[in-house]
Amino acid sequence: MNKKPRMTRAHYTFLAQFINDYAVDQNLSPTEHITLASLMVRSLCGTNPNFDGERFLDAALEDITVDPLEVGQ
C-alpha cells in the first residue's frame, strides 16, 4: 500500500524552503536545483487537492543562481 499523507500549506512551505536552502548550501547547479525541486513536486502531487506545483516551484527555486552560459547568452 502506497498511501500518500495529507499535507498542509505549512508542510509545503517548509519543504520548499528546505530545498531552496539545501541547494544554496550545497552549491547545486541551476540544473540540479531545478531537478530536485521538480522531483519533489512530482512526489507531492496527490497529497492535497489544493497543492499548486507552480507556486511550490517558485518558492523552492527562490534563490536559484542562473549561469548565463546555461541560459545560452
Protein backbone atom coordinates (compact mmCIF):
# COMPACT_ATOMS: atom_id res chain seq x y z
CA MET A 1 0.00 0.00 0.00
CA ASN A 2 1.43 3.34 -1.06
CA LYS A 3 -0.96 5.83 0.52
CA LYS A 4 0.12 9.48 0.40
CA PRO A 5 -0.23 11.56 3.56
CA ARG A 6 -2.48 14.60 3.74
CA MET A 7 -0.25 17.67 3.62
CA THR A 8 -0.91 21.29 4.53
CA ARG A 9 0.43 24.64 3.35
CA ALA A 10 2.82 24.65 6.32
CA HIS A 11 4.33 21.36 5.08
CA TYR A 12 4.75 22.71 1.56
CA THR A 13 6.30 25.95 2.80
CA PHE A 14 8.76 24.05 4.98
CA LEU A 15 9.76 21.67 2.17
CA ALA A 16 10.16 24.44 -0.41
CA GLN A 17 12.37 26.46 1.95
CA PHE A 18 14.39 23.36 2.79
CA ILE A 19 15.03 22.62 -0.89
CA ASN A 20 16.00 26.21 -1.58
CA ASP A 21 18.35 26.40 1.43
CA TYR A 22 19.87 22.99 0.66
CA ALA A 23 20.57 23.95 -2.96
CA VAL A 24 22.29 27.15 -1.87
CA ASP A 25 24.25 25.50 0.97
CA GLN A 26 25.42 22.64 -1.27
CA ASN A 27 26.18 24.98 -4.18
CA LEU A 28 23.98 22.99 -6.56
CA SER A 29 23.99 23.96 -10.20
CA PRO A 30 20.77 25.53 -11.52
CA THR A 31 20.00 22.26 -13.32
CA GLU A 32 20.43 20.24 -10.12
CA HIS A 33 18.35 22.75 -8.14
CA ILE A 34 15.51 22.59 -10.68
CA THR A 35 15.70 18.79 -10.85
CA LEU A 36 15.50 18.44 -7.08
CA ALA A 37 12.52 20.80 -6.82
CA SER A 38 10.74 19.14 -9.76
CA LEU A 39 11.14 15.67 -8.26
CA MET A 40 9.60 16.93 -5.04
CA VAL A 41 6.65 18.43 -6.93
CA ARG A 42 6.00 15.04 -8.55
CA SER A 43 6.14 13.38 -5.14
CA LEU A 44 3.75 15.89 -3.59
CA CYS A 45 1.08 15.61 -6.26
CA GLY A 46 -1.94 13.91 -4.74
CA THR A 47 -1.17 14.96 -1.16
CA ASN A 48 -3.73 17.76 -1.20
CA PRO A 49 -6.25 18.78 -3.89
CA ASN A 50 -5.20 22.42 -3.37
CA PHE A 51 -1.49 21.74 -3.96
CA ASP A 52 -0.12 24.20 -6.51
CA GLY A 53 3.03 22.81 -8.13
CA GLU A 54 3.89 26.09 -9.86
CA ARG A 55 3.71 28.00 -6.62
CA PHE A 56 5.82 25.36 -4.88
CA LEU A 57 8.47 25.59 -7.60
CA ASP A 58 8.55 29.38 -7.30
CA ALA A 59 9.26 29.05 -3.58
CA ALA A 60 11.72 26.15 -3.91
CA LEU A 61 13.70 28.00 -6.59
CA GLU A 62 13.62 31.40 -4.88
CA ASP A 63 17.41 31.76 -4.67
CA ILE A 64 18.39 29.89 -7.81
CA THR A 65 21.58 31.19 -9.36
CA VAL A 66 21.37 31.15 -13.13
CA ASP A 67 24.63 30.80 -15.02
CA PRO A 68 24.44 32.96 -18.17
CA LEU A 69 26.23 30.20 -20.10
CA GLU A 70 23.44 27.73 -19.24
CA VAL A 71 20.79 30.18 -20.42
CA GLY A 72 22.51 30.49 -23.77
CA GLN A 73 23.70 34.06 -23.55
